[in-house]
Every structure is written in structure tokens, then in C-alpha cells.
């Protein structure tokens, strides 16, 4: 008699294992990775809570959806290409001339919905890149396609694509697809005629169709010096950038120099 019970237990155990494998197979077929990994735990918790079959099924779908959203955020963040994640919580508003209320308004991302631009102007080290990345990070966490690139890398990639006869493809895949394009450090290198024209094409293609955030150490009167001293081209670029834009002119001393001065390492400027 005990032998029969043992056989019966083994049969039940085998059947459970078989069902377990089949559930995992179906979850794989239907591309439900979260359910595939965690359905056993969710089933166990549902039994403890005495949930109905319908509630258990709903819990499975809710869990899969939450994980899908999380994976989407992680992918969007990875594809954005930030050198390092920066958040608004990490920004020192007390030591900055930045209007926190304006940044909070921009963090609602309505500027992206309206295809508006943000121009962050100011000297090196005052937090322009930090703010650009922080706003970009918020966009990625709302699963908005975002691309971060320095002006130098952008122009290098544009010229390589042009030389390879793939410029149109580059515009389609890199410039046009992101809803938010962040161009960092514009103004640190002077552009030749071809580079200036390529930069104009970037701005022109994004005009009223996608948002741009640009950080620059130059005020607008100095843009012509960077853009091959081409007044007509500079006017055309600024006209498109400024037309629908939020301009933040950030003043102050470099955070990095402040830190060095506090540490007693730097005693140069403003000492």
C-alpha cells in the first residue's frame, strides 16, 4: 500500500514539473518573459491571498506589463547615449543662478510635445550639461526617444556619413527619429564651411518637428564666429532655434573650480 502511495506522489510531482515546463514554454512563445520567470512566485502568493483565478490572471498580466515598462525605460536610457546619468535631484540649485521654477516647468516635458527647444547658455562648469542630461533622463523615463551627442562628435559623424554617401540615412536614423536631440558643447570648436552647412541641415530638419537642447559657452552674438563667419547661415540657424525656445542664461563660477578652491587646490581666479 505504501508503495502505491509513493508511486502516486512521484506521478503528481512529475505532472507538476511537466506543467511547469509547459507554462514556461508558452510564456516564451508568447514573449512574456516576466511571467516565464516569476509566475510560480505569483501563483504561490495568490494562493496565500486566496485570490480567484481571474484575480490571479490579472496579477500575472499586471506584473508582465510593469516589467515591460521597466525594460522599455532601460532600453530608451541606454540608447540615449548619456556619458553619465544626471538628475535634477543631484543639481545644486542653491549655488546656481538657474530659475528652479522654470526647470520644474521644463521637467513636465511639455516642450517636447510642442517641439520646442531649450538653449542653455553660460560659461564652462555652471551645470549646463547636467541640466541637459537631467531633462533628457526624465524623457527616457517617460519612454521618449532621446539622443545625446557632443557637437564635435555630431559633426564628425555627419562628415563620415557624407563621405560614405550615407548622409540621408544618418539624418533619418540619428537626427529625425529621436523626439529629443541634445547637442552638448556647441561653440568649443570652429566649423569650416561644410561643417557649418551640415549643422544648419540638422537644425533645419528638426525645426518644428522635434525638440533640441543645446548647451553652449557662447552668447548668440558669438555664434557667427563658430559658424565660419557666415552671417546669413548664422541668422538662419538662430532664427530656427530661437523661434520656439526656452533660453536659460546661466551665470556663475565653475562648480569644479569651487570644489578645488574649497579643497585648497586652486587659488587662481576670483581668489
C-alpha atoms as a PDB file:
ATOM      1  CA  UNK A   1       0.000   0.000   0.000  1.00  0.00           C
ATOM      2  CA  UNK A   2       2.807   2.400   0.908  1.00  0.00           C
ATOM      3  CA  UNK A   3       4.443   1.531  -2.402  1.00  0.00           C
ATOM      4  CA  UNK A   4       1.335   2.675  -4.292  1.00  0.00           C
ATOM      5  CA  UNK A   5       1.300   5.990  -2.383  1.00  0.00           C
ATOM      6  CA  UNK A   6       4.943   6.542  -3.275  1.00  0.00           C
ATOM      7  CA  UNK A   7       4.221   5.938  -6.952  1.00  0.00           C
ATOM      8  CA  UNK A   8       1.241   8.304  -6.792  1.00  0.00           C
ATOM      9  CA  UNK A   9       3.357  11.081  -5.211  1.00  0.00           C
ATOM     10  CA  UNK A  10       6.022  10.659  -7.880  1.00  0.00           C
ATOM     11  CA  UNK A  11       3.334  10.865 -10.589  1.00  0.00           C
ATOM     12  CA  UNK A  12       1.913  14.080  -9.132  1.00  0.00           C
ATOM     13  CA  UNK A  13       5.405  15.524  -8.807  1.00  0.00           C
ATOM     14  CA  UNK A  14       6.204  14.615 -12.413  1.00  0.00           C
ATOM     15  CA  UNK A  15       2.915  16.104 -13.616  1.00  0.00           C
ATOM     16  CA  UNK A  16       3.611  19.373 -11.757  1.00  0.00           C
ATOM     17  CA  UNK A  17       7.085  19.557 -13.262  1.00  0.00           C
ATOM     18  CA  UNK A  18       5.632  18.883 -16.718  1.00  0.00           C
ATOM     19  CA  UNK A  19       3.015  21.634 -16.289  1.00  0.00           C
ATOM     20  CA  UNK A  20       5.705  23.998 -15.052  1.00  0.00           C
ATOM     21  CA  UNK A  21       7.799  23.410 -18.172  1.00  0.00           C
ATOM     22  CA  UNK A  22       4.798  23.805 -20.477  1.00  0.00           C
ATOM     23  CA  UNK A  23       3.839  27.120 -18.866  1.00  0.00           C
ATOM     24  CA  UNK A  24       7.392  28.365 -19.373  1.00  0.00           C
ATOM     25  CA  UNK A  25       7.334  27.211 -22.992  1.00  0.00           C
ATOM     26  CA  UNK A  26       4.079  29.020 -23.704  1.00  0.00           C
ATOM     27  CA  UNK A  27       5.323  32.155 -21.946  1.00  0.00           C
ATOM     28  CA  UNK A  28       8.401  32.017 -24.180  1.00  0.00           C
ATOM     29  CA  UNK A  29       6.295  31.516 -27.314  1.00  0.00           C
ATOM     30  CA  UNK A  30       4.026  34.448 -26.434  1.00  0.00           C
ATOM     31  CA  UNK A  31       7.020  36.580 -25.409  1.00  0.00           C
ATOM     32  CA  UNK A  32       6.062  37.009 -21.774  1.00  0.00           C
ATOM     33  CA  UNK A  33       9.485  36.893 -20.089  1.00  0.00           C
ATOM     34  CA  UNK A  34       8.322  38.291 -16.742  1.00  0.00           C
ATOM     35  CA  UNK A  35       5.604  35.681 -16.423  1.00  0.00           C
ATOM     36  CA  UNK A  36       8.042  32.995 -17.514  1.00  0.00           C
ATOM     37  CA  UNK A  37      10.450  33.925 -14.730  1.00  0.00           C
ATOM     38  CA  UNK A  38       8.040  34.732 -11.889  1.00  0.00           C
ATOM     39  CA  UNK A  39       4.691  33.021 -12.417  1.00  0.00           C
ATOM     40  CA  UNK A  40       5.464  30.369  -9.779  1.00  0.00           C
ATOM     41  CA  UNK A  41       6.081  33.008  -7.119  1.00  0.00           C
ATOM     42  CA  UNK A  42       2.975  34.968  -8.159  1.00  0.00           C
ATOM     43  CA  UNK A  43       0.912  31.756  -8.061  1.00  0.00           C
ATOM     44  CA  UNK A  44       2.192  30.991  -4.568  1.00  0.00           C
ATOM     45  CA  UNK A  45       1.378  34.493  -3.344  1.00  0.00           C
ATOM     46  CA  UNK A  46      -2.064  34.351  -4.958  1.00  0.00           C
ATOM     47  CA  UNK A  47      -2.809  31.080  -3.138  1.00  0.00           C
ATOM     48  CA  UNK A  48      -1.795  32.643   0.185  1.00  0.00           C
ATOM     49  CA  UNK A  49      -4.079  35.600  -0.509  1.00  0.00           C
ATOM     50  CA  UNK A  50      -6.823  33.219  -1.625  1.00  0.00           C
ATOM     51  CA  UNK A  51      -7.273  35.081  -4.914  1.00  0.00           C
ATOM     52  CA  UNK A  52      -9.707  33.885  -7.548  1.00  0.00           C
ATOM     53  CA  UNK A  53      -8.422  32.544 -10.863  1.00  0.00           C
ATOM     54  CA  UNK A  54      -9.459  35.804 -12.517  1.00  0.00           C
ATOM     55  CA  UNK A  55      -7.532  37.898  -9.981  1.00  0.00           C
ATOM     56  CA  UNK A  56      -4.516  35.633 -10.365  1.00  0.00           C
ATOM     57  CA  UNK A  57      -4.612  36.060 -14.150  1.00  0.00           C
ATOM     58  CA  UNK A  58      -4.922  39.826 -13.771  1.00  0.00           C
ATOM     59  CA  UNK A  59      -1.949  39.852 -11.399  1.00  0.00           C
ATOM     60  CA  UNK A  60       0.136  37.982 -13.966  1.00  0.00           C
ATOM     61  CA  UNK A  61      -0.713  40.445 -16.715  1.00  0.00           C
ATOM     62  CA  UNK A  62      -0.098  43.465 -14.449  1.00  0.00           C
ATOM     63  CA  UNK A  63       3.321  42.101 -13.488  1.00  0.00           C
ATOM     64  CA  UNK A  64       4.240  41.479 -17.131  1.00  0.00           C
ATOM     65  CA  UNK A  65       3.144  44.988 -18.061  1.00  0.00           C
ATOM     66  CA  UNK A  66       5.157  46.603 -15.241  1.00  0.00           C
ATOM     67  CA  UNK A  67       8.265  44.700 -16.291  1.00  0.00           C
ATOM     68  CA  UNK A  68       7.711  45.633 -19.927  1.00  0.00           C
ATOM     69  CA  UNK A  69       7.562  49.326 -18.987  1.00  0.00           C
ATOM     70  CA  UNK A  70      10.737  48.924 -16.926  1.00  0.00           C
ATOM     71  CA  UNK A  71      12.569  47.226 -19.811  1.00  0.00           C
ATOM     72  CA  UNK A  72      11.403  49.951 -22.179  1.00  0.00           C
ATOM     73  CA  UNK A  73      12.751  52.668 -19.877  1.00  0.00           C
ATOM     74  CA  UNK A  74      16.082  50.880 -19.542  1.00  0.00           C
ATOM     75  CA  UNK A  75      16.399  50.480 -23.315  1.00  0.00           C
ATOM     76  CA  UNK A  76      15.469  54.110 -24.008  1.00  0.00           C
ATOM     77  CA  UNK A  77      18.017  55.250 -21.416  1.00  0.00           C
ATOM     78  CA  UNK A  78      20.750  53.048 -22.884  1.00  0.00           C
ATOM     79  CA  UNK A  79      20.096  54.246 -26.440  1.00  0.00           C
ATOM     80  CA  UNK A  80      20.181  57.902 -25.335  1.00  0.00           C
ATOM     81  CA  UNK A  81      23.960  57.665 -25.000  1.00  0.00           C
ATOM     82  CA  UNK A  82      24.417  59.783 -21.883  1.00  0.00           C
ATOM     83  CA  UNK A  83      28.051  59.798 -20.703  1.00  0.00           C
ATOM     84  CA  UNK A  84      26.716  59.603 -17.144  1.00  0.00           C
ATOM     85  CA  UNK A  85      23.222  59.790 -15.661  1.00  0.00           C
ATOM     86  CA  UNK A  86      22.471  63.132 -14.004  1.00  0.00           C
ATOM     87  CA  UNK A  87      19.194  64.021 -12.307  1.00  0.00           C
ATOM     88  CA  UNK A  88      17.573  67.259 -11.185  1.00  0.00           C
ATOM     89  CA  UNK A  89      17.744  65.990  -7.607  1.00  0.00           C
ATOM     90  CA  UNK A  90      21.533  65.986  -7.943  1.00  0.00           C
ATOM     91  CA  UNK A  91      21.673  69.604  -9.174  1.00  0.00           C
ATOM     92  CA  UNK A  92      22.719  72.308  -6.710  1.00  0.00           C
ATOM     93  CA  UNK A  93      20.085  74.977  -7.329  1.00  0.00           C
ATOM     94  CA  UNK A  94      21.159  76.930  -4.232  1.00  0.00           C
ATOM     95  CA  UNK A  95      24.560  77.683  -5.771  1.00  0.00           C
ATOM     96  CA  UNK A  96      23.194  78.405  -9.246  1.00  0.00           C
ATOM     97  CA  UNK A  97      21.518  81.326 -10.992  1.00  0.00           C
ATOM     98  CA  UNK A  98      19.122  78.884 -12.672  1.00  0.00           C
ATOM     99  CA  UNK A  99      15.424  79.523 -12.110  1.00  0.00           C
ATOM    100  CA  UNK A 100      14.264  76.318 -10.412  1.00  0.00           C
ATOM    101  CA  UNK A 101      10.620  77.039 -11.233  1.00  0.00           C
ATOM    102  CA  UNK A 102      11.460  77.225 -14.923  1.00  0.00           C
ATOM    103  CA  UNK A 103      13.365  73.928 -14.752  1.00  0.00           C
ATOM    104  CA  UNK A 104      10.432  72.323 -12.954  1.00  0.00           C
ATOM    105  CA  UNK A 105       8.153  73.518 -15.738  1.00  0.00           C
ATOM    106  CA  UNK A 106      10.507  72.114 -18.376  1.00  0.00           C
ATOM    107  CA  UNK A 107      10.601  68.806 -16.489  1.00  0.00           C
ATOM    108  CA  UNK A 108       6.914  68.322 -17.348  1.00  0.00           C
ATOM    109  CA  UNK A 109       8.225  67.709 -20.902  1.00  0.00           C
ATOM    110  CA  UNK A 110       5.530  69.864 -22.475  1.00  0.00           C
ATOM    111  CA  UNK A 111       8.312  71.462 -24.503  1.00  0.00           C
ATOM    112  CA  UNK A 112       8.791  68.110 -26.268  1.00  0.00           C
ATOM    113  CA  UNK A 113       5.087  67.794 -27.022  1.00  0.00           C
ATOM    114  CA  UNK A 114       5.262  71.276 -28.563  1.00  0.00           C
ATOM    115  CA  UNK A 115       8.544  70.598 -30.448  1.00  0.00           C
ATOM    116  CA  UNK A 116      10.201  73.493 -28.598  1.00  0.00           C
ATOM    117  CA  UNK A 117      13.916  73.941 -27.965  1.00  0.00           C
ATOM    118  CA  UNK A 118      15.975  74.663 -24.867  1.00  0.00           C
ATOM    119  CA  UNK A 119      19.129  76.753 -25.129  1.00  0.00           C
ATOM    120  CA  UNK A 120      21.441  76.557 -22.111  1.00  0.00           C
ATOM    121  CA  UNK A 121      23.988  79.356 -22.377  1.00  0.00           C
ATOM    122  CA  UNK A 122      26.808  80.078 -19.949  1.00  0.00           C
ATOM    123  CA  UNK A 123      30.478  79.619 -19.098  1.00  0.00           C
ATOM    124  CA  UNK A 124      32.086  76.258 -18.549  1.00  0.00           C
ATOM    125  CA  UNK A 125      31.228  74.371 -15.372  1.00  0.00           C
ATOM    126  CA  UNK A 126      27.953  76.065 -14.373  1.00  0.00           C
ATOM    127  CA  UNK A 127      25.796  72.972 -14.890  1.00  0.00           C
ATOM    128  CA  UNK A 128      24.561  73.263 -18.484  1.00  0.00           C
ATOM    129  CA  UNK A 129      25.338  69.658 -19.385  1.00  0.00           C
ATOM    130  CA  UNK A 130      23.987  68.435 -16.044  1.00  0.00           C
ATOM    131  CA  UNK A 131      20.627  70.115 -16.695  1.00  0.00           C
ATOM    132  CA  UNK A 132      20.511  68.894 -20.297  1.00  0.00           C
ATOM    133  CA  UNK A 133      21.135  65.296 -19.239  1.00  0.00           C
ATOM    134  CA  UNK A 134      18.712  65.563 -16.313  1.00  0.00           C
ATOM    135  CA  UNK A 135      15.894  66.696 -18.601  1.00  0.00           C
ATOM    136  CA  UNK A 136      16.899  64.025 -21.090  1.00  0.00           C
ATOM    137  CA  UNK A 137      16.828  61.418 -18.337  1.00  0.00           C
ATOM    138  CA  UNK A 138      13.265  62.399 -17.430  1.00  0.00           C
ATOM    139  CA  UNK A 139      12.360  61.992 -21.101  1.00  0.00           C
ATOM    140  CA  UNK A 140      13.811  58.461 -21.197  1.00  0.00           C
ATOM    141  CA  UNK A 141      11.867  57.525 -18.067  1.00  0.00           C
ATOM    142  CA  UNK A 142       8.751  58.577 -19.959  1.00  0.00           C
ATOM    143  CA  UNK A 143       9.916  56.316 -22.795  1.00  0.00           C
ATOM    144  CA  UNK A 144      10.574  59.243 -25.129  1.00  0.00           C
ATOM    145  CA  UNK A 145      13.297  58.532 -27.670  1.00  0.00           C
ATOM    146  CA  UNK A 146      16.256  60.732 -26.779  1.00  0.00           C
ATOM    147  CA  UNK A 147      19.744  61.158 -28.229  1.00  0.00           C
ATOM    148  CA  UNK A 148      22.701  62.854 -26.509  1.00  0.00           C
ATOM    149  CA  UNK A 149      25.766  63.810 -28.543  1.00  0.00           C
ATOM    150  CA  UNK A 150      28.507  66.421 -28.328  1.00  0.00           C
ATOM    151  CA  UNK A 151      28.722  68.952 -31.148  1.00  0.00           C
ATOM    152  CA  UNK A 152      32.200  67.641 -32.037  1.00  0.00           C
ATOM    153  CA  UNK A 153      31.005  64.024 -32.322  1.00  0.00           C
ATOM    154  CA  UNK A 154      27.916  65.090 -34.248  1.00  0.00           C
ATOM    155  CA  UNK A 155      29.933  66.909 -36.887  1.00  0.00           C
ATOM    156  CA  UNK A 156      32.456  64.074 -37.116  1.00  0.00           C
ATOM    157  CA  UNK A 157      29.684  61.545 -37.681  1.00  0.00           C
ATOM    158  CA  UNK A 158      27.962  63.812 -40.205  1.00  0.00           C
ATOM    159  CA  UNK A 159      31.155  64.170 -42.247  1.00  0.00           C
ATOM    160  CA  UNK A 160      31.867  60.432 -42.139  1.00  0.00           C
ATOM    161  CA  UNK A 161      28.315  59.710 -43.292  1.00  0.00           C
ATOM    162  CA  UNK A 162      28.631  62.328 -46.030  1.00  0.00           C
ATOM    163  CA  UNK A 163      31.900  60.869 -47.304  1.00  0.00           C
ATOM    164  CA  UNK A 164      30.395  57.373 -47.314  1.00  0.00           C
ATOM    165  CA  UNK A 165      27.296  58.564 -49.208  1.00  0.00           C
ATOM    166  CA  UNK A 166      25.054  57.744 -46.236  1.00  0.00           C
ATOM    167  CA  UNK A 167      24.123  61.244 -45.122  1.00  0.00           C
ATOM    168  CA  UNK A 168      20.397  60.797 -45.772  1.00  0.00           C
ATOM    169  CA  UNK A 169      20.405  57.556 -43.776  1.00  0.00           C
ATOM    170  CA  UNK A 170      22.193  59.308 -40.915  1.00  0.00           C
ATOM    171  CA  UNK A 171      19.594  62.070 -40.846  1.00  0.00           C
ATOM    172  CA  UNK A 172      16.759  59.530 -40.848  1.00  0.00           C
ATOM    173  CA  UNK A 173      18.170  57.268 -38.143  1.00  0.00           C
ATOM    174  CA  UNK A 174      20.051  59.646 -35.850  1.00  0.00           C
ATOM    175  CA  UNK A 175      18.630  63.131 -36.349  1.00  0.00           C
ATOM    176  CA  UNK A 176      14.966  62.591 -37.202  1.00  0.00           C
ATOM    177  CA  UNK A 177      13.972  59.612 -35.031  1.00  0.00           C
ATOM    178  CA  UNK A 178      14.601  60.993 -31.509  1.00  0.00           C
ATOM    179  CA  UNK A 179      11.871  63.265 -30.189  1.00  0.00           C
ATOM    180  CA  UNK A 180      14.573  64.969 -28.127  1.00  0.00           C
ATOM    181  CA  UNK A 181      18.051  65.650 -29.522  1.00  0.00           C
ATOM    182  CA  UNK A 182      20.643  67.008 -27.078  1.00  0.00           C
ATOM    183  CA  UNK A 183      23.701  68.685 -28.620  1.00  0.00           C
ATOM    184  CA  UNK A 184      26.316  69.376 -25.981  1.00  0.00           C
ATOM    185  CA  UNK A 185      29.241  71.809 -26.039  1.00  0.00           C
ATOM    186  CA  UNK A 186      28.406  73.823 -29.131  1.00  0.00           C
ATOM    187  CA  UNK A 187      30.935  76.601 -29.576  1.00  0.00           C
ATOM    188  CA  UNK A 188      34.119  74.896 -28.409  1.00  0.00           C
ATOM    189  CA  UNK A 189      35.310  74.233 -31.968  1.00  0.00           C
ATOM    190  CA  UNK A 190      35.102  76.489 -35.017  1.00  0.00           C
ATOM    191  CA  UNK A 191      33.381  74.962 -38.013  1.00  0.00           C
ATOM    192  CA  UNK A 192      34.504  75.110 -41.618  1.00  0.00           C
ATOM    193  CA  UNK A 193      32.069  75.880 -44.421  1.00  0.00           C
ATOM    194  CA  UNK A 194      30.967  72.279 -44.930  1.00  0.00           C
ATOM    195  CA  UNK A 195      30.540  71.618 -41.207  1.00  0.00           C
ATOM    196  CA  UNK A 196      28.506  74.820 -40.780  1.00  0.00           C
ATOM    197  CA  UNK A 197      26.211  73.766 -43.623  1.00  0.00           C
ATOM    198  CA  UNK A 198      25.784  70.296 -42.126  1.00  0.00           C
ATOM    199  CA  UNK A 199      24.914  71.825 -38.764  1.00  0.00           C
ATOM    200  CA  UNK A 200      22.309  74.007 -40.451  1.00  0.00           C
ATOM    201  CA  UNK A 201      20.763  70.905 -42.018  1.00  0.00           C
ATOM    202  CA  UNK A 202      20.460  69.322 -38.560  1.00  0.00           C
ATOM    203  CA  UNK A 203      18.678  72.375 -37.151  1.00  0.00           C
ATOM    204  CA  UNK A 204      16.519  72.760 -40.237  1.00  0.00           C
ATOM    205  CA  UNK A 205      15.359  69.133 -40.238  1.00  0.00           C
ATOM    206  CA  UNK A 206      14.393  69.359 -36.569  1.00  0.00           C
ATOM    207  CA  UNK A 207      12.629  72.716 -36.915  1.00  0.00           C
ATOM    208  CA  UNK A 208       9.041  72.469 -35.634  1.00  0.00           C
ATOM    209  CA  UNK A 209       9.222  68.659 -35.802  1.00  0.00           C
ATOM    210  CA  UNK A 210      11.404  67.701 -32.834  1.00  0.00           C
ATOM    211  CA  UNK A 211      12.937  69.318 -29.766  1.00  0.00           C
ATOM    212  CA  UNK A 212      16.589  70.234 -29.400  1.00  0.00           C
ATOM    213  CA  UNK A 213      18.535  71.038 -26.254  1.00  0.00           C
ATOM    214  CA  UNK A 214      21.786  72.862 -26.966  1.00  0.00           C
ATOM    215  CA  UNK A 215      24.425  73.759 -24.413  1.00  0.00           C
ATOM    216  CA  UNK A 216      26.920  76.444 -25.346  1.00  0.00           C
ATOM    217  CA  UNK A 217      29.549  78.630 -23.749  1.00  0.00           C
ATOM    218  CA  UNK A 218      28.774  81.378 -26.283  1.00  0.00           C
ATOM    219  CA  UNK A 219      26.126  84.044 -26.318  1.00  0.00           C
ATOM    220  CA  UNK A 220      24.230  84.435 -29.590  1.00  0.00           C
ATOM    221  CA  UNK A 221      26.379  87.323 -30.830  1.00  0.00           C
ATOM    222  CA  UNK A 222      29.368  84.951 -30.896  1.00  0.00           C
ATOM    223  CA  UNK A 223      27.682  82.152 -32.869  1.00  0.00           C
ATOM    224  CA  UNK A 224      28.810  83.644 -36.203  1.00  0.00           C
ATOM    225  CA  UNK A 225      32.461  83.193 -35.218  1.00  0.00           C
ATOM    226  CA  UNK A 226      31.904  79.461 -34.823  1.00  0.00           C
ATOM    227  CA  UNK A 227      29.753  79.110 -37.939  1.00  0.00           C
ATOM    228  CA  UNK A 228      32.514  80.025 -40.409  1.00  0.00           C
ATOM    229  CA  UNK A 229      31.668  83.741 -40.027  1.00  0.00           C
ATOM    230  CA  UNK A 230      28.696  83.164 -42.306  1.00  0.00           C
ATOM    231  CA  UNK A 231      26.188  85.803 -41.237  1.00  0.00           C
ATOM    232  CA  UNK A 232      23.310  84.545 -43.402  1.00  0.00           C
ATOM    233  CA  UNK A 233      23.744  80.951 -42.200  1.00  0.00           C
ATOM    234  CA  UNK A 234      24.058  82.044 -38.567  1.00  0.00           C
ATOM    235  CA  UNK A 235      20.867  84.106 -38.852  1.00  0.00           C
ATOM    236  CA  UNK A 236      19.028  81.140 -40.405  1.00  0.00           C
ATOM    237  CA  UNK A 237      20.176  78.785 -37.634  1.00  0.00           C
ATOM    238  CA  UNK A 238      19.366  81.179 -34.775  1.00  0.00           C
ATOM    239  CA  UNK A 239      16.014  82.018 -36.317  1.00  0.00           C
ATOM    240  CA  UNK A 240      15.011  78.342 -36.249  1.00  0.00           C
ATOM    241  CA  UNK A 241      16.499  77.663 -32.820  1.00  0.00           C
ATOM    242  CA  UNK A 242      15.037  80.679 -31.054  1.00  0.00           C
ATOM    243  CA  UNK A 243      11.604  80.751 -32.709  1.00  0.00           C
ATOM    244  CA  UNK A 244      10.098  78.161 -30.326  1.00  0.00           C
ATOM    245  CA  UNK A 245      12.546  78.055 -27.456  1.00  0.00           C
ATOM    246  CA  UNK A 246      13.284  78.422 -23.766  1.00  0.00           C
ATOM    247  CA  UNK A 247      16.522  80.301 -23.190  1.00  0.00           C
ATOM    248  CA  UNK A 248      18.414  79.879 -19.920  1.00  0.00           C
ATOM    249  CA  UNK A 249      21.391  82.163 -19.470  1.00  0.00           C
ATOM    250  CA  UNK A 250      23.330  80.628 -16.574  1.00  0.00           C
ATOM    251  CA  UNK A 251      25.870  82.760 -14.749  1.00  0.00           C
ATOM    252  CA  UNK A 252      28.352  81.927 -12.027  1.00  0.00           C
ATOM    253  CA  UNK A 253      31.632  80.258 -11.288  1.00  0.00           C
ATOM    254  CA  UNK A 254      32.504  76.745 -12.367  1.00  0.00           C
ATOM    255  CA  UNK A 255      31.407  74.116  -9.832  1.00  0.00           C
ATOM    256  CA  UNK A 256      34.663  72.292 -10.441  1.00  0.00           C
ATOM    257  CA  UNK A 257      36.739  75.369  -9.616  1.00  0.00           C
ATOM    258  CA  UNK A 258      34.652  75.968  -6.490  1.00  0.00           C
ATOM    259  CA  UNK A 259      35.375  72.443  -5.307  1.00  0.00           C
ATOM    260  CA  UNK A 260      39.092  72.831  -5.990  1.00  0.00           C
ATOM    261  CA  UNK A 261      39.146  76.165  -4.152  1.00  0.00           C
ATOM    262  CA  UNK A 262      37.370  74.693  -1.145  1.00  0.00           C
ATOM    263  CA  UNK A 263      39.904  71.900  -1.089  1.00  0.00           C
ATOM    264  CA  UNK A 264      42.711  74.484  -1.231  1.00  0.00           C
ATOM    265  CA  UNK A 265      43.986  73.120  -4.553  1.00  0.00           C
ATOM    266  CA  UNK A 266      43.083  76.090  -6.769  1.00  0.00           C
ATOM    267  CA  UNK A 267      43.747  79.692  -5.760  1.00  0.00           C
ATOM    268  CA  UNK A 268      43.697  81.377  -9.154  1.00  0.00           C
ATOM    269  CA  UNK A 269      40.634  83.177 -10.493  1.00  0.00           C
ATOM    270  CA  UNK A 270      38.462  85.168  -8.083  1.00  0.00           C
ATOM    271  CA  UNK A 271      40.660  84.263  -5.134  1.00  0.00           C
END
